Amino acid sequence: SRLLLNIIPGRKFPFPKSLYAVEDVLRFFVQEKP
């Protein structure tokens, strides 16, 4: 939520995922697939 407000100030969206949570889980499966 707070990171999203930095990127698009004033625009709220309910319950966005942590950017790093999505990044981390994807990395386990696409790290070796550039």
PDB file of all heavy atoms in Angstrom:
ATOM      1  N   SER A   1       0.818  -1.225   0.000  1.00  0.00           N
ATOM      2  CA  SER A   1       0.000   0.000   0.000  1.00  0.00           C
ATOM      3  C   SER A   1       0.849   1.270   0.000  1.00  0.00           C
ATOM      4  O   SER A   1       0.633   2.178  -0.820  1.00  0.00           O
ATOM      5  CB  SER A   1      -0.920   0.002   1.223  1.00  0.00           C
ATOM      6  OG  SER A   1      -1.769  -1.118   1.209  1.00  0.00           O
ATOM      7  N   ARG A   2       1.839   1.354   0.916  1.00  0.00           N
ATOM      8  CA  ARG A   2       2.626   2.590   1.021  1.00  0.00           C
ATOM      9  C   ARG A   2       3.552   2.774  -0.175  1.00  0.00           C
ATOM     10  O   ARG A   2       3.745   3.895  -0.652  1.00  0.00           O
ATOM     11  CB  ARG A   2       3.416   2.591   2.328  1.00  0.00           C
ATOM     12  CG  ARG A   2       2.517   2.708   3.553  1.00  0.00           C
ATOM     13  CD  ARG A   2       3.275   2.590   4.848  1.00  0.00           C
ATOM     14  NE  ARG A   2       2.372   2.563   5.989  1.00  0.00           N
ATOM     15  CZ  ARG A   2       2.727   2.265   7.225  1.00  0.00           C
ATOM     16  NH1 ARG A   2       3.997   1.970   7.504  1.00  0.00           N
ATOM     17  NH2 ARG A   2       1.838   2.252   8.207  1.00  0.00           N
ATOM     18  N   LEU A   3       4.110   1.688  -0.667  1.00  0.00           N
ATOM     19  CA  LEU A   3       4.971   1.796  -1.843  1.00  0.00           C
ATOM     20  C   LEU A   3       4.161   2.273  -3.045  1.00  0.00           C
ATOM     21  O   LEU A   3       4.616   3.113  -3.825  1.00  0.00           O
ATOM     22  CB  LEU A   3       5.619   0.437  -2.128  1.00  0.00           C
ATOM     23  CG  LEU A   3       6.606   0.374  -3.298  1.00  0.00           C
ATOM     24  CD1 LEU A   3       7.772  -0.548  -2.964  1.00  0.00           C
ATOM     25  CD2 LEU A   3       5.932  -0.126  -4.569  1.00  0.00           C
ATOM     26  N   LEU A   4       2.923   1.759  -3.186  1.00  0.00           N
ATOM     27  CA  LEU A   4       2.071   2.166  -4.306  1.00  0.00           C
ATOM     28  C   LEU A   4       1.747   3.653  -4.237  1.00  0.00           C
ATOM     29  O   LEU A   4       1.717   4.342  -5.276  1.00  0.00           O
ATOM     30  CB  LEU A   4       0.787   1.340  -4.304  1.00  0.00           C
ATOM     31  CG  LEU A   4      -0.155   1.539  -5.497  1.00  0.00           C
ATOM     32  CD1 LEU A   4       0.528   1.138  -6.798  1.00  0.00           C
ATOM     33  CD2 LEU A   4      -1.439   0.736  -5.309  1.00  0.00           C
ATOM     34  N   LEU A   5       1.533   4.173  -3.026  1.00  0.00           N
ATOM     35  CA  LEU A   5       1.243   5.603  -2.885  1.00  0.00           C
ATOM     36  C   LEU A   5       2.446   6.464  -3.268  1.00  0.00           C
ATOM     37  O   LEU A   5       2.282   7.608  -3.696  1.00  0.00           O
ATOM     38  CB  LEU A   5       0.805   5.907  -1.454  1.00  0.00           C
ATOM     39  CG  LEU A   5      -0.628   5.482  -1.098  1.00  0.00           C
ATOM     40  CD1 LEU A   5      -0.889   5.677   0.386  1.00  0.00           C
ATOM     41  CD2 LEU A   5      -1.639   6.267  -1.932  1.00  0.00           C
ATOM     42  N   ASN A   6       3.650   5.936  -3.112  1.00  0.00           N
ATOM     43  CA  ASN A   6       4.841   6.666  -3.576  1.00  0.00           C
ATOM     44  C   ASN A   6       4.856   6.773  -5.094  1.00  0.00           C
ATOM     45  O   ASN A   6       5.283   7.784  -5.660  1.00  0.00           O
ATOM     46  CB  ASN A   6       6.121   5.938  -3.134  1.00  0.00           C
ATOM     47  CG  ASN A   6       6.512   6.274  -1.718  1.00  0.00           C
ATOM     48  OD1 ASN A   6       5.839   7.056  -1.050  1.00  0.00           O
ATOM     49  ND2 ASN A   6       7.595   5.686  -1.249  1.00  0.00           N
ATOM     50  N   ILE A   7       4.400   5.708  -5.750  1.00  0.00           N
ATOM     51  CA  ILE A   7       4.493   5.630  -7.214  1.00  0.00           C
ATOM     52  C   ILE A   7       3.367   6.406  -7.877  1.00  0.00           C
ATOM     53  O   ILE A   7       3.591   7.130  -8.858  1.00  0.00           O
ATOM     54  CB  ILE A   7       4.475   4.149  -7.647  1.00  0.00           C
ATOM     55  CG1 ILE A   7       5.693   3.422  -7.064  1.00  0.00           C
ATOM     56  CG2 ILE A   7       4.470   4.015  -9.158  1.00  0.00           C
ATOM     57  CD1 ILE A   7       5.633   1.925  -7.192  1.00  0.00           C
ATOM     58  N   ILE A   8       2.148   6.236  -7.380  1.00  0.00           N
ATOM     59  CA  ILE A   8       0.998   6.981  -7.922  1.00  0.00           C
ATOM     60  C   ILE A   8       0.302   7.686  -6.749  1.00  0.00           C
ATOM     61  O   ILE A   8      -0.730   7.234  -6.263  1.00  0.00           O
ATOM     62  CB  ILE A   8       0.029   6.062  -8.694  1.00  0.00           C
ATOM     63  CG1 ILE A   8      -0.285   4.782  -7.908  1.00  0.00           C
ATOM     64  CG2 ILE A   8       0.599   5.679 -10.048  1.00  0.00           C
ATOM     65  CD1 ILE A   8      -1.340   3.894  -8.573  1.00  0.00           C
ATOM     66  N   PRO A   9       0.871   8.791  -6.291  1.00  0.00           N
ATOM     67  CA  PRO A   9       0.353   9.482  -5.097  1.00  0.00           C
ATOM     68  C   PRO A   9      -1.134   9.813  -5.200  1.00  0.00           C
ATOM     69  O   PRO A   9      -1.623  10.222  -6.256  1.00  0.00           O
ATOM     70  CB  PRO A   9       1.202  10.755  -5.045  1.00  0.00           C
ATOM     71  CG  PRO A   9       2.451  10.407  -5.781  1.00  0.00           C
ATOM     72  CD  PRO A   9       2.024   9.489  -6.884  1.00  0.00           C
ATOM     73  N   GLY A  10      -1.833   9.597  -4.085  1.00  0.00           N
ATOM     74  CA  GLY A  10      -3.246   9.965  -4.028  1.00  0.00           C
ATOM     75  C   GLY A  10      -4.192   8.934  -4.600  1.00  0.00           C
ATOM     76  O   GLY A  10      -5.410   9.098  -4.522  1.00  0.00           O
ATOM     77  N   ARG A  11      -3.655   7.872  -5.176  1.00  0.00           N
ATOM     78  CA  ARG A  11      -4.518   6.859  -5.796  1.00  0.00           C
ATOM     79  C   ARG A  11      -4.470   5.585  -4.959  1.00  0.00           C
ATOM     80  O   ARG A  11      -3.450   4.919  -4.906  1.00  0.00           O
ATOM     81  CB  ARG A  11      -4.079   6.573  -7.233  1.00  0.00           C
ATOM     82  CG  ARG A  11      -4.031   7.827  -8.091  1.00  0.00           C
ATOM     83  CD  ARG A  11      -3.796   7.510  -9.548  1.00  0.00           C
ATOM     84  NE  ARG A  11      -3.654   8.720 -10.344  1.00  0.00           N
ATOM     85  CZ  ARG A  11      -3.758   8.773 -11.666  1.00  0.00           C
ATOM     86  NH1 ARG A  11      -3.996   7.660 -12.344  1.00  0.00           N
ATOM     87  NH2 ARG A  11      -3.611   9.912 -12.310  1.00  0.00           N
ATOM     88  N   LYS A  12      -5.574   5.274  -4.317  1.00  0.00           N
ATOM     89  CA  LYS A  12      -5.600   4.135  -3.412  1.00  0.00           C
ATOM     90  C   LYS A  12      -6.141   2.897  -4.114  1.00  0.00           C
ATOM     91  O   LYS A  12      -7.025   2.968  -4.963  1.00  0.00           O
ATOM     92  CB  LYS A  12      -6.447   4.456  -2.183  1.00  0.00           C
ATOM     93  CG  LYS A  12      -5.841   5.529  -1.292  1.00  0.00           C
ATOM     94  CD  LYS A  12      -6.677   5.734  -0.045  1.00  0.00           C
ATOM     95  CE  LYS A  12      -6.048   6.788   0.866  1.00  0.00           C
ATOM     96  NZ  LYS A  12      -6.854   6.995   2.090  1.00  0.00           N
ATOM     97  N   PHE A  13      -5.571   1.753  -3.707  1.00  0.00           N
ATOM     98  CA  PHE A  13      -6.029   0.466  -4.212  1.00  0.00           C
ATOM     99  C   PHE A  13      -6.081  -0.497  -3.027  1.00  0.00           C
ATOM    100  O   PHE A  13      -5.138  -0.552  -2.231  1.00  0.00           O
ATOM    101  CB  PHE A  13      -5.068  -0.070  -5.283  1.00  0.00           C
ATOM    102  CG  PHE A  13      -5.460  -1.416  -5.822  1.00  0.00           C
ATOM    103  CD1 PHE A  13      -6.448  -1.517  -6.790  1.00  0.00           C
ATOM    104  CD2 PHE A  13      -4.859  -2.576  -5.357  1.00  0.00           C
ATOM    105  CE1 PHE A  13      -6.824  -2.758  -7.283  1.00  0.00           C
ATOM    106  CE2 PHE A  13      -5.230  -3.814  -5.842  1.00  0.00           C
ATOM    107  CZ  PHE A  13      -6.218  -3.910  -6.809  1.00  0.00           C
ATOM    108  N   PRO A  14      -7.182  -1.252  -2.863  1.00  0.00           N
ATOM    109  CA  PRO A  14      -7.304  -2.106  -1.674  1.00  0.00           C
ATOM    110  C   PRO A  14      -6.382  -3.329  -1.716  1.00  0.00           C
ATOM    111  O   PRO A  14      -6.377  -4.076  -2.680  1.00  0.00           O
ATOM    112  CB  PRO A  14      -8.778  -2.537  -1.703  1.00  0.00           C
ATOM    113  CG  PRO A  14      -9.184  -2.440  -3.141  1.00  0.00           C
ATOM    114  CD  PRO A  14      -8.390  -1.291  -3.710  1.00  0.00           C
ATOM    115  N   PHE A  15      -5.593  -3.454  -0.686  1.00  0.00           N
ATOM    116  CA  PHE A  15      -4.782  -4.646  -0.437  1.00  0.00           C
ATOM    117  C   PHE A  15      -3.818  -5.037  -1.561  1.00  0.00           C
ATOM    118  O   PHE A  15      -3.814  -6.185  -2.004  1.00  0.00           O
ATOM    119  CB  PHE A  15      -5.696  -5.842  -0.110  1.00  0.00           C
ATOM    120  CG  PHE A  15      -6.719  -5.549   0.931  1.00  0.00           C
ATOM    121  CD1 PHE A  15      -8.070  -5.487   0.610  1.00  0.00           C
ATOM    122  CD2 PHE A  15      -6.338  -5.299   2.244  1.00  0.00           C
ATOM    123  CE1 PHE A  15      -9.029  -5.201   1.577  1.00  0.00           C
ATOM    124  CE2 PHE A  15      -7.289  -5.020   3.221  1.00  0.00           C
ATOM    125  CZ  PHE A  15      -8.634  -4.966   2.887  1.00  0.00           C
ATOM    126  N   PRO A  16      -2.983  -4.113  -2.027  1.00  0.00           N
ATOM    127  CA  PRO A  16      -1.977  -4.532  -3.013  1.00  0.00           C
ATOM    128  C   PRO A  16      -0.928  -5.423  -2.363  1.00  0.00           C
ATOM    129  O   PRO A  16      -0.624  -5.287  -1.177  1.00  0.00           O
ATOM    130  CB  PRO A  16      -1.360  -3.208  -3.471  1.00  0.00           C
ATOM    131  CG  PRO A  16      -1.552  -2.288  -2.314  1.00  0.00           C
ATOM    132  CD  PRO A  16      -2.856  -2.692  -1.677  1.00  0.00           C
ATOM    133  N   LYS A  17      -0.373  -6.332  -3.130  1.00  0.00           N
ATOM    134  CA  LYS A  17       0.670  -7.221  -2.640  1.00  0.00           C
ATOM    135  C   LYS A  17       1.981  -6.456  -2.432  1.00  0.00           C
ATOM    136  O   LYS A  17       2.254  -5.470  -3.118  1.00  0.00           O
ATOM    137  CB  LYS A  17       0.920  -8.338  -3.657  1.00  0.00           C
ATOM    138  CG  LYS A  17      -0.139  -9.417  -3.643  1.00  0.00           C
ATOM    139  CD  LYS A  17       0.074 -10.335  -2.455  1.00  0.00           C
ATOM    140  CE  LYS A  17      -0.939 -11.455  -2.404  1.00  0.00           C
ATOM    141  NZ  LYS A  17      -2.249 -11.038  -1.946  1.00  0.00           N
ATOM    142  N   SER A  18       2.806  -6.950  -1.512  1.00  0.00           N
ATOM    143  CA  SER A  18       4.168  -6.432  -1.401  1.00  0.00           C
ATOM    144  C   SER A  18       4.900  -6.722  -2.700  1.00  0.00           C
ATOM    145  O   SER A  18       4.882  -7.855  -3.205  1.00  0.00           O
ATOM    146  CB  SER A  18       4.901  -7.116  -0.243  1.00  0.00           C
ATOM    147  OG  SER A  18       6.304  -6.952  -0.379  1.00  0.00           O
ATOM    148  N   LEU A  19       5.533  -5.710  -3.257  1.00  0.00           N
ATOM    149  CA  LEU A  19       6.315  -5.879  -4.484  1.00  0.00           C
ATOM    150  C   LEU A  19       7.356  -6.974  -4.304  1.00  0.00           C
ATOM    151  O   LEU A  19       7.563  -7.820  -5.189  1.00  0.00           O
ATOM    152  CB  LEU A  19       6.995  -4.553  -4.837  1.00  0.00           C
ATOM    153  CG  LEU A  19       8.020  -4.575  -5.976  1.00  0.00           C
ATOM    154  CD1 LEU A  19       7.364  -4.971  -7.283  1.00  0.00           C
ATOM    155  CD2 LEU A  19       8.689  -3.206  -6.103  1.00  0.00           C
ATOM    156  N   TYR A  20       7.993  -7.006  -3.149  1.00  0.00           N
ATOM    157  CA  TYR A  20       9.103  -7.941  -2.917  1.00  0.00           C
ATOM    158  C   TYR A  20       8.590  -9.358  -2.662  1.00  0.00           C
ATOM    159  O   TYR A  20       9.304 -10.334  -2.944  1.00  0.00           O
ATOM    160  CB  TYR A  20       9.956  -7.438  -1.752  1.00  0.00           C
ATOM    161  CG  TYR A  20      10.344  -5.989  -1.925  1.00  0.00           C
ATOM    162  CD1 TYR A  20       9.806  -4.997  -1.104  1.00  0.00           C
ATOM    163  CD2 TYR A  20      11.190  -5.603  -2.959  1.00  0.00           C
ATOM    164  CE1 TYR A  20      10.133  -3.661  -1.281  1.00  0.00           C
ATOM    165  CE2 TYR A  20      11.521  -4.263  -3.149  1.00  0.00           C
ATOM    166  CZ  TYR A  20      10.994  -3.295  -2.312  1.00  0.00           C
ATOM    167  OH  TYR A  20      11.309  -1.971  -2.497  1.00  0.00           O
ATOM    168  N   ALA A  21       7.364  -9.501  -2.171  1.00  0.00           N
ATOM    169  CA  ALA A  21       6.789 -10.833  -1.981  1.00  0.00           C
ATOM    170  C   ALA A  21       6.566 -11.505  -3.330  1.00  0.00           C
ATOM    171  O   ALA A  21       6.879 -12.689  -3.519  1.00  0.00           O
ATOM    172  CB  ALA A  21       5.474 -10.735  -1.217  1.00  0.00           C
ATOM    173  N   VAL A  22       6.027 -10.762  -4.300  1.00  0.00           N
ATOM    174  CA  VAL A  22       5.797 -11.307  -5.640  1.00  0.00           C
ATOM    175  C   VAL A  22       7.134 -11.588  -6.327  1.00  0.00           C
ATOM    176  O   VAL A  22       7.333 -12.639  -6.950  1.00  0.00           O
ATOM    177  CB  VAL A  22       4.938 -10.340  -6.478  1.00  0.00           C
ATOM    178  CG1 VAL A  22       4.709 -10.907  -7.873  1.00  0.00           C
ATOM    179  CG2 VAL A  22       3.604 -10.062  -5.788  1.00  0.00           C
ATOM    180  N   GLU A  23       8.051 -10.648  -6.199  1.00  0.00           N
ATOM    181  CA  GLU A  23       9.390 -10.815  -6.788  1.00  0.00           C
ATOM    182  C   GLU A  23      10.064 -12.073  -6.256  1.00  0.00           C
ATOM    183  O   GLU A  23      10.634 -12.866  -7.028  1.00  0.00           O
ATOM    184  CB  GLU A  23      10.224  -9.579  -6.453  1.00  0.00           C
ATOM    185  CG  GLU A  23      11.668  -9.630  -6.881  1.00  0.00           C
ATOM    186  CD  GLU A  23      12.454  -8.450  -6.345  1.00  0.00           C
ATOM    187  OE1 GLU A  23      11.868  -7.354  -6.188  1.00  0.00           O
ATOM    188  OE2 GLU A  23      13.654  -8.618  -6.070  1.00  0.00           O
ATOM    189  N   ASP A  24       9.988 -12.285  -4.951  1.00  0.00           N
ATOM    190  CA  ASP A  24      10.686 -13.411  -4.338  1.00  0.00           C
ATOM    191  C   ASP A  24      10.134 -14.754  -4.797  1.00  0.00           C
ATOM    192  O   ASP A  24      10.887 -15.673  -5.123  1.00  0.00           O
ATOM    193  CB  ASP A  24      10.619 -13.313  -2.813  1.00  0.00           C
ATOM    194  CG  ASP A  24      11.563 -12.255  -2.246  1.00  0.00           C
ATOM    195  OD1 ASP A  24      12.471 -11.827  -2.974  1.00  0.00           O
ATOM    196  OD2 ASP A  24      11.383 -11.858  -1.079  1.00  0.00           O
ATOM    197  N   VAL A  25       8.812 -14.901  -4.803  1.00  0.00           N
ATOM    198  CA  VAL A  25       8.257 -16.205  -5.158  1.00  0.00           C
ATOM    199  C   VAL A  25       8.481 -16.497  -6.643  1.00  0.00           C
ATOM    200  O   VAL A  25       8.738 -17.651  -7.030  1.00  0.00           O
ATOM    201  CB  VAL A  25       6.761 -16.294  -4.780  1.00  0.00           C
ATOM    202  CG1 VAL A  25       5.890 -15.432  -5.678  1.00  0.00           C
ATOM    203  CG2 VAL A  25       6.292 -17.747  -4.810  1.00  0.00           C
ATOM    204  N   LEU A  26       8.423 -15.489  -7.491  1.00  0.00           N
ATOM    205  CA  LEU A  26       8.705 -15.706  -8.916  1.00  0.00           C
ATOM    206  C   LEU A  26      10.163 -16.101  -9.137  1.00  0.00           C
ATOM    207  O   LEU A  26      10.471 -16.951  -9.982  1.00  0.00           O
ATOM    208  CB  LEU A  26       8.386 -14.444  -9.718  1.00  0.00           C
ATOM    209  CG  LEU A  26       6.918 -14.161 -10.014  1.00  0.00           C
ATOM    210  CD1 LEU A  26       6.756 -12.797 -10.674  1.00  0.00           C
ATOM    211  CD2 LEU A  26       6.317 -15.247 -10.907  1.00  0.00           C
ATOM    212  N   ARG A  27      11.059 -15.490  -8.362  1.00  0.00           N
ATOM    213  CA  ARG A  27      12.495 -15.751  -8.557  1.00  0.00           C
ATOM    214  C   ARG A  27      12.826 -17.237  -8.415  1.00  0.00           C
ATOM    215  O   ARG A  27      13.689 -17.752  -9.139  1.00  0.00           O
ATOM    216  CB  ARG A  27      13.322 -14.925  -7.567  1.00  0.00           C
ATOM    217  CG  ARG A  27      14.831 -15.018  -7.826  1.00  0.00           C
ATOM    218  CD  ARG A  27      15.652 -14.275  -6.800  1.00  0.00           C
ATOM    219  NE  ARG A  27      15.497 -12.840  -6.918  1.00  0.00           N
ATOM    220  CZ  ARG A  27      14.818 -12.089  -6.053  1.00  0.00           C
ATOM    221  NH1 ARG A  27      14.235 -12.645  -4.996  1.00  0.00           N
ATOM    222  NH2 ARG A  27      14.719 -10.786  -6.220  1.00  0.00           N
ATOM    223  N   PHE A  28      12.153 -17.932  -7.514  1.00  0.00           N
ATOM    224  CA  PHE A  28      12.431 -19.358  -7.331  1.00  0.00           C
ATOM    225  C   PHE A  28      12.196 -20.164  -8.609  1.00  0.00           C
ATOM    226  O   PHE A  28      12.767 -21.230  -8.790  1.00  0.00           O
ATOM    227  CB  PHE A  28      11.564 -19.931  -6.208  1.00  0.00           C
ATOM    228  CG  PHE A  28      12.017 -19.532  -4.829  1.00  0.00           C
ATOM    229  CD1 PHE A  28      11.237 -18.708  -4.034  1.00  0.00           C
ATOM    230  CD2 PHE A  28      13.234 -19.975  -4.335  1.00  0.00           C
ATOM    231  CE1 PHE A  28      11.655 -18.337  -2.763  1.00  0.00           C
ATOM    232  CE2 PHE A  28      13.669 -19.601  -3.062  1.00  0.00           C
ATOM    233  CZ  PHE A  28      12.882 -18.779  -2.276  1.00  0.00           C
ATOM    234  N   PHE A  29      11.354 -19.653  -9.516  1.00  0.00           N
ATOM    235  CA  PHE A  29      10.984 -20.433 -10.694  1.00  0.00           C
ATOM    236  C   PHE A  29      11.464 -19.836 -12.018  1.00  0.00           C
ATOM    237  O   PHE A  29      11.464 -20.543 -13.030  1.00  0.00           O
ATOM    238  CB  PHE A  29       9.462 -20.615 -10.733  1.00  0.00           C
ATOM    239  CG  PHE A  29       8.956 -21.448  -9.594  1.00  0.00           C
ATOM    240  CD1 PHE A  29       8.481 -20.856  -8.433  1.00  0.00           C
ATOM    241  CD2 PHE A  29       8.985 -22.832  -9.664  1.00  0.00           C
ATOM    242  CE1 PHE A  29       8.030 -21.621  -7.368  1.00  0.00           C
ATOM    243  CE2 PHE A  29       8.533 -23.608  -8.601  1.00  0.00           C
ATOM    244  CZ  PHE A  29       8.056 -23.004  -7.454  1.00  0.00           C
ATOM    245  N   VAL A  30      11.851 -18.562 -12.055  1.00  0.00           N
ATOM    246  CA  VAL A  30      12.295 -17.975 -13.328  1.00  0.00           C
ATOM    247  C   VAL A  30      13.719 -17.440 -13.257  1.00  0.00           C
ATOM    248  O   VAL A  30      14.189 -16.808 -14.207  1.00  0.00           O
ATOM    249  CB  VAL A  30      11.331 -16.862 -13.807  1.00  0.00           C
ATOM    250  CG1 VAL A  30       9.928 -17.410 -13.986  1.00  0.00           C
ATOM    251  CG2 VAL A  30      11.339 -15.663 -12.866  1.00  0.00           C
ATOM    252  N   GLN A  31      14.416 -17.683 -12.131  1.00  0.00           N
ATOM    253  CA  GLN A  31      15.796 -17.213 -11.998  1.00  0.00           C
ATOM    254  C   GLN A  31      16.657 -17.709 -13.157  1.00  0.00           C
ATOM    255  O   GLN A  31      17.491 -16.984 -13.682  1.00  0.00           O
ATOM    256  CB  GLN A  31      16.383 -17.697 -10.670  1.00  0.00           C
ATOM    257  CG  GLN A  31      17.866 -17.428 -10.477  1.00  0.00           C
ATOM    258  CD  GLN A  31      18.163 -15.974 -10.177  1.00  0.00           C
ATOM    259  OE1 GLN A  31      17.245 -15.220  -9.853  1.00  0.00           O
ATOM    260  NE2 GLN A  31      19.413 -15.579 -10.292  1.00  0.00           N
ATOM    261  N   GLU A  32      16.457 -18.953 -13.554  1.00  0.00           N
ATOM    262  CA  GLU A  32      17.268 -19.548 -14.614  1.00  0.00           C
ATOM    263  C   GLU A  32      16.578 -19.481 -15.972  1.00  0.00           C
ATOM    264  O   GLU A  32      16.953 -20.182 -16.906  1.00  0.00           O
ATOM    265  CB  GLU A  32      17.609 -20.992 -14.239  1.00  0.00           C
ATOM    266  CG  GLU A  32      18.463 -21.069 -12.963  1.00  0.00           C
ATOM    267  CD  GLU A  32      18.737 -22.487 -12.516  1.00  0.00           C
ATOM    268  OE1 GLU A  32      18.139 -23.425 -13.103  1.00  0.00           O
ATOM    269  OE2 GLU A  32      19.551 -22.668 -11.598  1.00  0.00           O
ATOM    270  N   LYS A  33      15.553 -18.641 -16.085  1.00  0.00           N
ATOM    271  CA  LYS A  33      14.840 -18.447 -17.356  1.00  0.00           C
ATOM    272  C   LYS A  33      14.827 -16.962 -17.680  1.00  0.00           C
ATOM    273  O   LYS A  33      13.834 -16.261 -17.443  1.00  0.00           O
ATOM    274  CB  LYS A  33      13.401 -18.975 -17.248  1.00  0.00           C
ATOM    275  CG  LYS A  33      13.306 -20.479 -17.018  1.00  0.00           C
ATOM    276  CD  LYS A  33      11.851 -20.902 -16.904  1.00  0.00           C
ATOM    277  CE  LYS A  33      11.716 -22.395 -16.681  1.00  0.00           C
ATOM    278  NZ  LYS A  33      10.300 -22.805 -16.560  1.00  0.00           N
ATOM    279  N   PRO A  34      15.907 -16.435 -18.232  1.00  0.00           N
ATOM    280  CA  PRO A  34      16.000 -14.987 -18.472  1.00  0.00           C
ATOM    281  C   PRO A  34      15.025 -14.470 -19.531  1.00  0.00           C
ATOM    282  O   PRO A  34      14.827 -13.264 -19.630  1.00  0.00           O
ATOM    283  CB  PRO A  34      17.452 -14.798 -18.921  1.00  0.00           C
ATOM    284  CG  PRO A  34      17.876 -16.131 -19.435  1.00  0.00           C
ATOM    285  CD  PRO A  34      17.142 -17.141 -18.609  1.00  0.00           C
TER     286      PRO A  34
END
